[in-house]
PDB file of N, CA and C in Angstrom:
ATOM      1  N   MET A   1     -17.767   1.465 -12.614  1.00  0.00           N
ATOM      2  CA  MET A   1     -17.204   0.669 -11.540  1.00  0.00           C
ATOM      3  C   MET A   1     -15.976   1.357 -10.943  1.00  0.00           C
ATOM      4  N   ARG A   2     -15.103   1.884 -11.819  1.00  0.00           N
ATOM      5  CA  ARG A   2     -13.884   2.531 -11.333  1.00  0.00           C
ATOM      6  C   ARG A   2     -14.215   3.746 -10.474  1.00  0.00           C
ATOM      7  N   LEU A   3     -15.216   4.538 -10.893  1.00  0.00           N
ATOM      8  CA  LEU A   3     -15.590   5.712 -10.106  1.00  0.00           C
ATOM      9  C   LEU A   3     -16.202   5.311  -8.775  1.00  0.00           C
ATOM     10  N   ALA A   4     -16.893   4.180  -8.736  1.00  0.00           N
ATOM     11  CA  ALA A   4     -17.446   3.700  -7.470  1.00  0.00           C
ATOM     12  C   ALA A   4     -16.322   3.370  -6.496  1.00  0.00           C
ATOM     13  N   VAL A   5     -15.251   2.781  -6.999  1.00  0.00           N
ATOM     14  CA  VAL A   5     -14.099   2.469  -6.152  1.00  0.00           C
ATOM     15  C   VAL A   5     -13.430   3.755  -5.684  1.00  0.00           C
ATOM     16  N   VAL A   6     -13.295   4.727  -6.578  1.00  0.00           N
ATOM     17  CA  VAL A   6     -12.691   6.009  -6.211  1.00  0.00           C
ATOM     18  C   VAL A   6     -13.517   6.679  -5.125  1.00  0.00           C
ATOM     19  N   LYS A   7     -14.837   6.685  -5.266  1.00  0.00           N
ATOM     20  CA  LYS A   7     -15.698   7.324  -4.271  1.00  0.00           C
ATOM     21  C   LYS A   7     -15.667   6.579  -2.945  1.00  0.00           C
ATOM     22  N   CYS A   8     -15.611   5.262  -2.994  1.00  0.00           N
ATOM     23  CA  CYS A   8     -15.613   4.460  -1.772  1.00  0.00           C
ATOM     24  C   CYS A   8     -14.328   4.661  -0.970  1.00  0.00           C
ATOM     25  N   HIS A   9     -13.213   4.816  -1.667  1.00  0.00           N
ATOM     26  CA  HIS A   9     -11.916   4.927  -1.001  1.00  0.00           C
ATOM     27  C   HIS A   9     -11.277   6.288  -1.266  1.00  0.00           C
ATOM     28  N   VAL A  10     -12.070   7.331  -1.239  1.00  0.00           N
ATOM     29  CA  VAL A  10     -11.578   8.667  -1.589  1.00  0.00           C
ATOM     30  C   VAL A  10     -10.461   9.127  -0.657  1.00  0.00           C
ATOM     31  N   ALA A  11     -10.466   8.697   0.588  1.00  0.00           N
ATOM     32  CA  ALA A  11      -9.411   9.112   1.513  1.00  0.00           C
ATOM     33  C   ALA A  11      -8.068   8.499   1.154  1.00  0.00           C
ATOM     34  N   PHE A  12      -8.075   7.344   0.498  1.00  0.00           N
ATOM     35  CA  PHE A  12      -6.831   6.660   0.159  1.00  0.00           C
ATOM     36  C   PHE A  12      -6.356   6.977  -1.250  1.00  0.00           C
ATOM     37  N   CYS A  13      -7.263   7.263  -2.164  1.00  0.00           N
ATOM     38  CA  CYS A  13      -6.859   7.426  -3.565  1.00  0.00           C
ATOM     39  C   CYS A  13      -6.905   8.877  -4.017  1.00  0.00           C
ATOM     40  N   TYR A  14      -7.013   9.802  -3.106  1.00  0.00           N
ATOM     41  CA  TYR A  14      -7.010  11.222  -3.461  1.00  0.00           C
ATOM     42  C   TYR A  14      -5.560  11.648  -3.660  1.00  0.00           C
ATOM     43  N   CYS A  15      -5.043  11.397  -4.832  1.00  0.00           N
ATOM     44  CA  CYS A  15      -3.653  11.740  -5.122  1.00  0.00           C
ATOM     45  C   CYS A  15      -3.506  12.042  -6.606  1.00  0.00           C
ATOM     46  N   PRO A  16      -2.479  12.777  -6.972  1.00  0.00           N
ATOM     47  CA  PRO A  16      -2.269  13.128  -8.379  1.00  0.00           C
ATOM     48  C   PRO A  16      -1.897  11.933  -9.255  1.00  0.00           C
ATOM     49  N   ALA A  17      -1.674  10.750  -8.685  1.00  0.00           N
ATOM     50  CA  ALA A  17      -1.335   9.572  -9.486  1.00  0.00           C
ATOM     51  C   ALA A  17      -2.538   9.053 -10.267  1.00  0.00           C
ATOM     52  N   LEU A  18      -3.730   9.498  -9.908  1.00  0.00           N
ATOM     53  CA  LEU A  18      -4.930   9.097 -10.643  1.00  0.00           C
ATOM     54  C   LEU A  18      -4.965   9.785 -12.003  1.00  0.00           C
ATOM     55  N   ARG A  19      -5.750   9.201 -12.904  1.00  0.00           N
ATOM     56  CA  ARG A  19      -5.981   9.911 -14.166  1.00  0.00           C
ATOM     57  C   ARG A  19      -6.667  11.234 -13.850  1.00  0.00           C
ATOM     58  N   LYS A  20      -6.500  12.208 -14.725  1.00  0.00           N
ATOM     59  CA  LYS A  20      -7.009  13.558 -14.461  1.00  0.00           C
ATOM     60  C   LYS A  20      -8.513  13.554 -14.195  1.00  0.00           C
ATOM     61  N   SER A  21      -9.267  12.782 -14.976  1.00  0.00           N
ATOM     62  CA  SER A  21     -10.722  12.757 -14.791  1.00  0.00           C
ATOM     63  C   SER A  21     -11.096  12.135 -13.447  1.00  0.00           C
ATOM     64  N   ASN A  22     -10.423  11.041 -13.065  1.00  0.00           N
ATOM     65  CA  ASN A  22     -10.718  10.410 -11.779  1.00  0.00           C
ATOM     66  C   ASN A  22     -10.260  11.276 -10.617  1.00  0.00           C
ATOM     67  N   PHE A  23      -9.143  11.984 -10.792  1.00  0.00           N
ATOM     68  CA  PHE A  23      -8.660  12.883  -9.753  1.00  0.00           C
ATOM     69  C   PHE A  23      -9.661  14.007  -9.522  1.00  0.00           C
ATOM     70  N   THR A  24     -10.230  14.545 -10.603  1.00  0.00           N
ATOM     71  CA  THR A  24     -11.226  15.612 -10.495  1.00  0.00           C
ATOM     72  C   THR A  24     -12.465  15.115  -9.763  1.00  0.00           C
ATOM     73  N   VAL A  25     -12.927  13.920 -10.116  1.00  0.00           N
ATOM     74  CA  VAL A  25     -14.102  13.344  -9.447  1.00  0.00           C
ATOM     75  C   VAL A  25     -13.815  13.123  -7.968  1.00  0.00           C
ATOM     76  N   ALA A  26     -12.647  12.574  -7.641  1.00  0.00           N
ATOM     77  CA  ALA A  26     -12.300  12.314  -6.244  1.00  0.00           C
ATOM     78  C   ALA A  26     -12.221  13.614  -5.448  1.00  0.00           C
ATOM     79  N   LYS A  27     -11.642  14.635  -6.056  1.00  0.00           N
ATOM     80  CA  LYS A  27     -11.517  15.931  -5.377  1.00  0.00           C
ATOM     81  C   LYS A  27     -12.891  16.549  -5.117  1.00  0.00           C
ATOM     82  N   GLN A  28     -13.763  16.547  -6.134  1.00  0.00           N
ATOM     83  CA  GLN A  28     -15.107  17.098  -5.968  1.00  0.00           C
ATOM     84  C   GLN A  28     -15.909  16.290  -4.952  1.00  0.00           C
ATOM     85  N   TYR A  29     -15.807  14.974  -5.034  1.00  0.00           N
ATOM     86  CA  TYR A  29     -16.550  14.114  -4.113  1.00  0.00           C
ATOM     87  C   TYR A  29     -16.108  14.361  -2.674  1.00  0.00           C
ATOM     88  N   ARG A  30     -14.797  14.489  -2.451  1.00  0.00           N
ATOM     89  CA  ARG A  30     -14.298  14.753  -1.104  1.00  0.00           C
ATOM     90  C   ARG A  30     -14.800  16.096  -0.596  1.00  0.00           C
ATOM     91  N   ASN A  31     -14.801  17.116  -1.446  1.00  0.00           N
ATOM     92  CA  ASN A  31     -15.282  18.437  -1.035  1.00  0.00           C
ATOM     93  C   ASN A  31     -16.771  18.410  -0.700  1.00  0.00           C
ATOM     94  N   PHE A  32     -17.576  17.743  -1.536  1.00  0.00           N
ATOM     95  CA  PHE A  32     -19.011  17.636  -1.256  1.00  0.00           C
ATOM     96  C   PHE A  32     -19.265  16.864   0.027  1.00  0.00           C
ATOM     97  N   LYS A  33     -18.536  15.801   0.223  1.00  0.00           N
ATOM     98  CA  LYS A  33     -18.713  14.981   1.421  1.00  0.00           C
ATOM     99  C   LYS A  33     -18.369  15.782   2.674  1.00  0.00           C
ATOM    100  N   ASN A  34     -17.296  16.564   2.609  1.00  0.00           N
ATOM    101  CA  ASN A  34     -16.916  17.391   3.761  1.00  0.00           C
ATOM    102  C   ASN A  34     -17.955  18.465   4.053  1.00  0.00           C
ATOM    103  N   GLN A  35     -18.580  19.024   3.019  1.00  0.00           N
ATOM    104  CA  GLN A  35     -19.594  20.055   3.221  1.00  0.00           C
ATOM    105  C   GLN A  35     -20.886  19.472   3.783  1.00  0.00           C
ATOM    106  N   LEU A  36     -21.249  18.270   3.370  1.00  0.00           N
ATOM    107  CA  LEU A  36     -22.521  17.684   3.784  1.00  0.00           C
ATOM    108  C   LEU A  36     -22.492  17.061   5.173  1.00  0.00           C
ATOM    109  N   PHE A  37     -21.328  16.817   5.719  1.00  0.00           N
ATOM    110  CA  PHE A  37     -21.271  16.206   7.039  1.00  0.00           C
ATOM    111  C   PHE A  37     -21.203  17.239   8.156  1.00  0.00           C
ATOM    112  N   PHE A  38     -21.575  18.459   7.862  1.00  0.00           N
ATOM    113  CA  PHE A  38     -21.700  19.535   8.844  1.00  0.00           C
ATOM    114  C   PHE A  38     -20.471  19.686   9.740  1.00  0.00           C
ATOM    115  N   PRO A  39     -19.314  19.930   9.161  1.00  0.00           N
ATOM    116  CA  PRO A  39     -18.118  20.053   9.993  1.00  0.00           C
ATOM    117  C   PRO A  39     -18.147  21.266  10.917  1.00  0.00           C
ATOM    118  N   GLU A  40     -18.990  22.265  10.606  1.00  0.00           N
ATOM    119  CA  GLU A  40     -19.015  23.438  11.483  1.00  0.00           C
ATOM    120  C   GLU A  40     -19.614  23.125  12.854  1.00  0.00           C
ATOM    121  N   PHE A  41     -20.373  22.025  12.972  1.00  0.00           N
ATOM    122  CA  PHE A  41     -20.968  21.656  14.254  1.00  0.00           C
ATOM    123  C   PHE A  41     -20.095  20.693  15.051  1.00  0.00           C
ATOM    124  N   MET A  42     -19.009  20.264  14.471  1.00  0.00           N
ATOM    125  CA  MET A  42     -18.117  19.326  15.154  1.00  0.00           C
ATOM    126  C   MET A  42     -17.086  20.099  15.963  1.00  0.00           C
ATOM    127  N   PRO A  43     -16.590  19.507  17.047  1.00  0.00           N
ATOM    128  CA  PRO A  43     -15.497  20.144  17.788  1.00  0.00           C
ATOM    129  C   PRO A  43     -14.272  20.304  16.891  1.00  0.00           C
ATOM    130  N   ALA A  44     -13.485  21.324  17.162  1.00  0.00           N
ATOM    131  CA  ALA A  44     -12.331  21.631  16.307  1.00  0.00           C
ATOM    132  C   ALA A  44     -11.360  20.458  16.201  1.00  0.00           C
ATOM    133  N   ALA A  45     -11.200  19.709  17.279  1.00  0.00           N
ATOM    134  CA  ALA A  45     -10.251  18.592  17.268  1.00  0.00           C
ATOM    135  C   ALA A  45     -10.695  17.467  16.338  1.00  0.00           C
ATOM    136  N   LEU A  46     -11.991  17.364  16.078  1.00  0.00           N
ATOM    137  CA  LEU A  46     -12.498  16.272  15.247  1.00  0.00           C
ATOM    138  C   LEU A  46     -12.698  16.652  13.788  1.00  0.00           C
ATOM    139  N   LYS A  47     -12.495  17.916  13.447  1.00  0.00           N
ATOM    140  CA  LYS A  47     -12.724  18.336  12.065  1.00  0.00           C
ATOM    141  C   LYS A  47     -11.738  17.699  11.100  1.00  0.00           C
ATOM    142  N   LYS A  48     -10.529  17.501  11.535  1.00  0.00           N
ATOM    143  CA  LYS A  48      -9.509  16.887  10.676  1.00  0.00           C
ATOM    144  C   LYS A  48      -8.953  15.659  11.386  1.00  0.00           C
ATOM    145  N   VAL A  49      -9.697  14.594  11.388  1.00  0.00           N
ATOM    146  CA  VAL A  49      -9.256  13.339  11.985  1.00  0.00           C
ATOM    147  C   VAL A  49      -8.488  12.564  10.928  1.00  0.00           C
ATOM    148  N   SER A  50      -7.329  12.062  11.292  1.00  0.00           N
ATOM    149  CA  SER A  50      -6.538  11.309  10.321  1.00  0.00           C
ATOM    150  C   SER A  50      -7.218   9.970  10.025  1.00  0.00           C
ATOM    151  N   VAL A  51      -7.125   9.566   8.788  1.00  0.00           N
ATOM    152  CA  VAL A  51      -7.730   8.313   8.349  1.00  0.00           C
ATOM    153  C   VAL A  51      -6.680   7.218   8.457  1.00  0.00           C
ATOM    154  N   PRO A  52      -6.992   6.133   9.157  1.00  0.00           N
ATOM    155  CA  PRO A  52      -5.994   5.065   9.264  1.00  0.00           C
ATOM    156  C   PRO A  52      -5.749   4.406   7.911  1.00  0.00           C
ATOM    157  N   ARG A  53      -4.497   4.132   7.630  1.00  0.00           N
ATOM    158  CA  ARG A  53      -4.118   3.460   6.388  1.00  0.00           C
ATOM    159  C   ARG A  53      -4.176   1.949   6.608  1.00  0.00           C
ATOM    160  N   PRO A  54      -4.545   1.212   5.585  1.00  0.00           N
ATOM    161  CA  PRO A  54      -4.563  -0.241   5.735  1.00  0.00           C
ATOM    162  C   PRO A  54      -3.146  -0.782   5.935  1.00  0.00           C
ATOM    163  N   ASP A  55      -3.033  -1.825   6.739  1.00  0.00           N
ATOM    164  CA  ASP A  55      -1.741  -2.440   7.021  1.00  0.00           C
ATOM    165  C   ASP A  55      -1.497  -3.561   6.020  1.00  0.00           C
ATOM    166  N   HIS A  56      -0.426  -3.434   5.249  1.00  0.00           N
ATOM    167  CA  HIS A  56      -0.130  -4.419   4.211  1.00  0.00           C
ATOM    168  C   HIS A  56       1.065  -5.292   4.576  1.00  0.00           C
ATOM    169  N   GLN A  57       1.401  -5.377   5.842  1.00  0.00           N
ATOM    170  CA  GLN A  57       2.585  -6.123   6.244  1.00  0.00           C
ATOM    171  C   GLN A  57       2.470  -7.619   5.937  1.00  0.00           C
ATOM    172  N   ASP A  58       1.278  -8.190   6.023  1.00  0.00           N
ATOM    173  CA  ASP A  58       1.108  -9.629   5.813  1.00  0.00           C
ATOM    174  C   ASP A  58       0.696  -9.983   4.390  1.00  0.00           C
ATOM    175  N   ASP A  59       0.571  -9.004   3.514  1.00  0.00           N
ATOM    176  CA  ASP A  59       0.156  -9.272   2.134  1.00  0.00           C
ATOM    177  C   ASP A  59       1.274  -9.947   1.357  1.00  0.00           C
ATOM    178  N   MET A  60       0.876 -10.813   0.436  1.00  0.00           N
ATOM    179  CA  MET A  60       1.829 -11.463  -0.458  1.00  0.00           C
ATOM    180  C   MET A  60       1.996 -10.572  -1.687  1.00  0.00           C
ATOM    181  N   VAL A  61       3.238 -10.381  -2.130  1.00  0.00           N
ATOM    182  CA  VAL A  61       3.530  -9.528  -3.282  1.00  0.00           C
ATOM    183  C   VAL A  61       4.459 -10.266  -4.239  1.00  0.00           C
ATOM    184  N   TYR A  62       4.385  -9.881  -5.502  1.00  0.00           N
ATOM    185  CA  TYR A  62       5.350 -10.367  -6.480  1.00  0.00           C
ATOM    186  C   TYR A  62       6.515  -9.390  -6.476  1.00  0.00           C
ATOM    187  N   ALA A  63       7.715  -9.920  -6.326  1.00  0.00           N
ATOM    188  CA  ALA A  63       8.902  -9.077  -6.250  1.00  0.00           C
ATOM    189  C   ALA A  63       9.962  -9.570  -7.220  1.00  0.00           C
ATOM    190  N   LYS A  64      10.616  -8.630  -7.877  1.00  0.00           N
ATOM    191  CA  LYS A  64      11.705  -8.942  -8.802  1.00  0.00           C
ATOM    192  C   LYS A  64      12.990  -8.336  -8.253  1.00  0.00           C
ATOM    193  N   VAL A  65      14.050  -9.138  -8.244  1.00  0.00           N
ATOM    194  CA  VAL A  65      15.340  -8.700  -7.723  1.00  0.00           C
ATOM    195  C   VAL A  65      16.063  -7.899  -8.800  1.00  0.00           C
ATOM    196  N   LEU A  66      16.489  -6.689  -8.460  1.00  0.00           N
ATOM    197  CA  LEU A  66      17.190  -5.817  -9.402  1.00  0.00           C
ATOM    198  C   LEU A  66      18.697  -5.804  -9.169  1.00  0.00           C
ATOM    199  N   ALA A  67      19.129  -6.019  -7.939  1.00  0.00           N
ATOM    200  CA  ALA A  67      20.546  -5.911  -7.592  1.00  0.00           C
ATOM    201  C   ALA A  67      21.276  -7.232  -7.831  1.00  0.00           C
ATOM    202  N   GLU A  68      22.587  -7.151  -7.889  1.00  0.00           N
ATOM    203  CA  GLU A  68      23.421  -8.337  -8.107  1.00  0.00           C
ATOM    204  C   GLU A  68      23.323  -9.311  -6.941  1.00  0.00           C
ATOM    205  N   ASP A  69      23.612  -8.831  -5.736  1.00  0.00           N
ATOM    206  CA  ASP A  69      23.702  -9.751  -4.603  1.00  0.00           C
ATOM    207  C   ASP A  69      22.876  -9.235  -3.434  1.00  0.00           C
ATOM    208  N   ILE A  70      21.717  -9.800  -3.262  1.00  0.00           N
ATOM    209  CA  ILE A  70      20.896  -9.474  -2.097  1.00  0.00           C
ATOM    210  C   ILE A  70      21.208 -10.448  -0.976  1.00  0.00           C
ATOM    211  N   GLY A  71      21.459 -11.682  -1.343  1.00  0.00           N
ATOM    212  CA  GLY A  71      21.729 -12.704  -0.341  1.00  0.00           C
ATOM    213  C   GLY A  71      20.465 -13.471  -0.023  1.00  0.00           C
ATOM    214  N   ASN A  72      20.423 -13.974   1.183  1.00  0.00           N
ATOM    215  CA  ASN A  72      19.289 -14.781   1.613  1.00  0.00           C
ATOM    216  C   ASN A  72      18.274 -13.918   2.346  1.00  0.00           C
ATOM    217  N   VAL A  73      17.008 -14.223   2.136  1.00  0.00           N
ATOM    218  CA  VAL A  73      15.917 -13.493   2.776  1.00  0.00           C
ATOM    219  C   VAL A  73      15.112 -14.477   3.611  1.00  0.00           C
ATOM    220  N   ALA A  74      14.831 -14.104   4.846  1.00  0.00           N
ATOM    221  CA  ALA A  74      14.044 -14.964   5.733  1.00  0.00           C
ATOM    222  C   ALA A  74      12.562 -14.739   5.472  1.00  0.00           C
ATOM    223  N   ILE A  75      11.838 -15.836   5.290  1.00  0.00           N
ATOM    224  CA  ILE A  75      10.387 -15.774   5.120  1.00  0.00           C
ATOM    225  C   ILE A  75       9.750 -16.714   6.134  1.00  0.00           C
ATOM    226  N   PRO A  76       8.521 -16.445   6.556  1.00  0.00           N
ATOM    227  CA  PRO A  76       7.875 -17.324   7.532  1.00  0.00           C
ATOM    228  C   PRO A  76       7.596 -18.702   6.941  1.00  0.00           C
ATOM    229  N   ASP A  77       7.741 -19.708   7.774  1.00  0.00           N
ATOM    230  CA  ASP A  77       7.399 -21.075   7.381  1.00  0.00           C
ATOM    231  C   ASP A  77       5.921 -21.268   7.706  1.00  0.00           C
ATOM    232  N   TRP A  78       5.112 -21.530   6.691  1.00  0.00           N
ATOM    233  CA  TRP A  78       3.662 -21.603   6.886  1.00  0.00           C
ATOM    234  C   TRP A  78       3.235 -22.874   7.599  1.00  0.00           C
ATOM    235  N   GLN A  79       4.110 -23.891   7.662  1.00  0.00           N
ATOM    236  CA  GLN A  79       3.767 -25.132   8.357  1.00  0.00           C
ATOM    237  C   GLN A  79       4.073 -25.039   9.845  1.00  0.00           C
ATOM    238  N   ASP A  80       5.127 -24.328  10.203  1.00  0.00           N
ATOM    239  CA  ASP A  80       5.507 -24.132  11.599  1.00  0.00           C
ATOM    240  C   ASP A  80       5.584 -22.627  11.840  1.00  0.00           C
ATOM    241  N   LEU A  81       4.628 -22.085  12.566  1.00  0.00           N
ATOM    242  CA  LEU A  81       4.527 -20.634  12.729  1.00  0.00           C
ATOM    243  C   LEU A  81       5.674 -20.026  13.526  1.00  0.00           C
ATOM    244  N   ASN A  82       6.436 -20.852  14.240  1.00  0.00           N
ATOM    245  CA  ASN A  82       7.569 -20.340  15.013  1.00  0.00           C
ATOM    246  C   ASN A  82       8.883 -20.422  14.247  1.00  0.00           C
ATOM    247  N   ALA A  83       8.856 -20.944  13.036  1.00  0.00           N
ATOM    248  CA  ALA A  83      10.082 -21.135  12.265  1.00  0.00           C
ATOM    249  C   ALA A  83      10.112 -20.199  11.059  1.00  0.00           C
ATOM    250  N   GLU A  84      11.305 -20.069  10.493  1.00  0.00           N
ATOM    251  CA  GLU A  84      11.486 -19.277   9.278  1.00  0.00           C
ATOM    252  C   GLU A  84      12.232 -20.111   8.251  1.00  0.00           C
ATOM    253  N   MET A  85      11.986 -19.811   6.986  1.00  0.00           N
ATOM    254  CA  MET A  85      12.720 -20.443   5.897  1.00  0.00           C
ATOM    255  C   MET A  85      13.626 -19.384   5.281  1.00  0.00           C
ATOM    256  N   VAL A  86      14.693 -19.839   4.654  1.00  0.00           N
ATOM    257  CA  VAL A  86      15.622 -18.924   3.997  1.00  0.00           C
ATOM    258  C   VAL A  86      15.466 -19.085   2.495  1.00  0.00           C
ATOM    259  N   LEU A  87      15.279 -17.971   1.811  1.00  0.00           N
ATOM    260  CA  LEU A  87      15.087 -17.964   0.367  1.00  0.00           C
ATOM    261  C   LEU A  87      16.253 -17.230  -0.282  1.00  0.00           C
ATOM    262  N   GLU A  88      16.913 -17.896  -1.226  1.00  0.00           N
ATOM    263  CA  GLU A  88      18.020 -17.265  -1.939  1.00  0.00           C
ATOM    264  C   GLU A  88      17.447 -16.453  -3.091  1.00  0.00           C
ATOM    265  N   MET A  89      17.750 -15.169  -3.112  1.00  0.00           N
ATOM    266  CA  MET A  89      17.207 -14.280  -4.134  1.00  0.00           C
ATOM    267  C   MET A  89      18.323 -13.835  -5.066  1.00  0.00           C
ATOM    268  N   GLU A  90      18.294 -14.330  -6.289  1.00  0.00           N
ATOM    269  CA  GLU A  90      19.309 -14.004  -7.284  1.00  0.00           C
ATOM    270  C   GLU A  90      18.802 -12.889  -8.191  1.00  0.00           C
ATOM    271  N   LYS A  91      19.734 -12.234  -8.882  1.00  0.00           N
ATOM    272  CA  LYS A  91      19.376 -11.132  -9.771  1.00  0.00           C
ATOM    273  C   LYS A  91      18.405 -11.604 -10.852  1.00  0.00           C
ATOM    274  N   SER A  92      17.397 -10.789 -11.143  1.00  0.00           N
ATOM    275  CA  SER A  92      16.357 -11.009 -12.159  1.00  0.00           C
ATOM    276  C   SER A  92      15.378 -12.117 -11.807  1.00  0.00           C
ATOM    277  N   SER A  93      15.452 -12.670 -10.607  1.00  0.00           N
ATOM    278  CA  SER A  93      14.481 -13.697 -10.218  1.00  0.00           C
ATOM    279  C   SER A  93      13.219 -13.026  -9.677  1.00  0.00           C
ATOM    280  N   CYS A  94      12.087 -13.689  -9.863  1.00  0.00           N
ATOM    281  CA  CYS A  94      10.796 -13.190  -9.380  1.00  0.00           C
ATOM    282  C   CYS A  94      10.262 -14.150  -8.330  1.00  0.00           C
ATOM    283  N   HIS A  95       9.642 -13.594  -7.299  1.00  0.00           N
ATOM    284  CA  HIS A  95       9.158 -14.408  -6.192  1.00  0.00           C
ATOM    285  C   HIS A  95       7.804 -13.888  -5.726  1.00  0.00           C
ATOM    286  N   LEU A  96       6.967 -14.802  -5.260  1.00  0.00           N
ATOM    287  CA  LEU A  96       5.746 -14.447  -4.533  1.00  0.00           C
ATOM    288  C   LEU A  96       6.116 -14.584  -3.065  1.00  0.00           C
ATOM    289  N   ILE A  97       6.161 -13.456  -2.372  1.00  0.00           N
ATOM    290  CA  ILE A  97       6.778 -13.421  -1.047  1.00  0.00           C
ATOM    291  C   ILE A  97       6.008 -12.455  -0.149  1.00  0.00           C
ATOM    292  N   PRO A  98       6.008 -12.661   1.174  1.00  0.00           N
ATOM    293  CA  PRO A  98       5.348 -11.699   2.066  1.00  0.00           C
ATOM    294  C   PRO A  98       6.029 -10.329   1.991  1.00  0.00           C
ATOM    295  N   PHE A  99       5.222  -9.284   1.980  1.00  0.00           N
ATOM    296  CA  PHE A  99       5.754  -7.923   1.858  1.00  0.00           C
ATOM    297  C   PHE A  99       6.738  -7.601   2.974  1.00  0.00           C
ATOM    298  N   GLN A 100       6.454  -8.063   4.176  1.00  0.00           N
ATOM    299  CA  GLN A 100       7.318  -7.767   5.318  1.00  0.00           C
ATOM    300  C   GLN A 100       8.745  -8.248   5.074  1.00  0.00           C
ATOM    301  N   SER A 101       8.905  -9.353   4.343  1.00  0.00           N
ATOM    302  CA  SER A 101      10.236  -9.917   4.099  1.00  0.00           C
ATOM    303  C   SER A 101      11.066  -9.077   3.135  1.00  0.00           C
ATOM    304  N   VAL A 102      10.426  -8.345   2.229  1.00  0.00           N
ATOM    305  CA  VAL A 102      11.170  -7.572   1.230  1.00  0.00           C
ATOM    306  C   VAL A 102      11.012  -6.063   1.393  1.00  0.00           C
ATOM    307  N   LYS A 103      10.321  -5.628   2.430  1.00  0.00           N
ATOM    308  CA  LYS A 103      10.062  -4.195   2.620  1.00  0.00           C
ATOM    309  C   LYS A 103      11.361  -3.388   2.626  1.00  0.00           C
ATOM    310  N   HIS A 104      12.349  -3.860   3.356  1.00  0.00           N
ATOM    311  CA  HIS A 104      13.632  -3.151   3.454  1.00  0.00           C
ATOM    312  C   HIS A 104      14.296  -3.033   2.082  1.00  0.00           C
ATOM    313  N   TYR A 105      14.247  -4.091   1.297  1.00  0.00           N
ATOM    314  CA  TYR A 105      14.883  -4.090  -0.023  1.00  0.00           C
ATOM    315  C   TYR A 105      14.124  -3.202  -1.013  1.00  0.00           C
ATOM    316  N   VAL A 106      12.812  -3.136  -0.871  1.00  0.00           N
ATOM    317  CA  VAL A 106      12.014  -2.254  -1.733  1.00  0.00           C
ATOM    318  C   VAL A 106      12.370  -0.801  -1.444  1.00  0.00           C
ATOM    319  N   GLU A 107      12.511  -0.464  -0.173  1.00  0.00           N
ATOM    320  CA  GLU A 107      12.879   0.904   0.202  1.00  0.00           C
ATOM    321  C   GLU A 107      14.278   1.264  -0.291  1.00  0.00           C
ATOM    322  N   GLU A 108      15.192   0.276  -0.327  1.00  0.00           N
ATOM    323  CA  GLU A 108      16.551   0.506  -0.840  1.00  0.00           C
ATOM    324  C   GLU A 108      16.576   0.628  -2.356  1.00  0.00           C
ATOM    325  N   GLY A 109      15.596   0.001  -3.020  1.00  0.00           N
ATOM    326  CA  GLY A 109      15.566   0.006  -4.472  1.00  0.00           C
ATOM    327  C   GLY A 109      16.222  -1.203  -5.100  1.00  0.00           C
ATOM    328  N   THR A 110      16.582  -2.201  -4.289  1.00  0.00           N
ATOM    329  CA  THR A 110      17.209  -3.405  -4.830  1.00  0.00           C
ATOM    330  C   THR A 110      16.190  -4.450  -5.255  1.00  0.00           C
ATOM    331  N   VAL A 111      14.935  -4.281  -4.823  1.00  0.00           N
ATOM    332  CA  VAL A 111      13.835  -5.169  -5.206  1.00  0.00           C
ATOM    333  C   VAL A 111      12.692  -4.296  -5.699  1.00  0.00           C
ATOM    334  N   GLN A 112      12.044  -4.741  -6.769  1.00  0.00           N
ATOM    335  CA  GLN A 112      10.917  -4.002  -7.350  1.00  0.00           C
ATOM    336  C   GLN A 112       9.655  -4.841  -7.202  1.00  0.00           C
ATOM    337  N   LEU A 113       8.570  -4.210  -6.767  1.00  0.00           N
ATOM    338  CA  LEU A 113       7.286  -4.903  -6.709  1.00  0.00           C
ATOM    339  C   LEU A 113       6.671  -4.917  -8.092  1.00  0.00           C
ATOM    340  N   LEU A 114       6.105  -6.049  -8.460  1.00  0.00           N
ATOM    341  CA  LEU A 114       5.493  -6.184  -9.786  1.00  0.00           C
ATOM    342  C   LEU A 114       3.996  -6.008  -9.702  1.00  0.00           C
TER     343      LEU A 114
END
């Protein structure tokens, strides 16, 4: 099952973070796939087309606060789509929250995704 997922999403999971065996399979599968799709007959501009990455802005994530004082974080109000709610995030607290609301803090390192 795991190898099926690796093969299905080889463009996204082709990275050294995989286990060595899965990385080897993903690398070989990508090379075979590139050889079998006849890239020599394609125009040069289309041989290396970038693969769009999935957008995770609206995904819900579990986040743990690492810093002392983050303050209040605005999250969308699911009952009124034009309103926002304010969530107080204290140190060591865990929250199920939209990724967009904590993206800045994750990049700073003050919030960790679980």
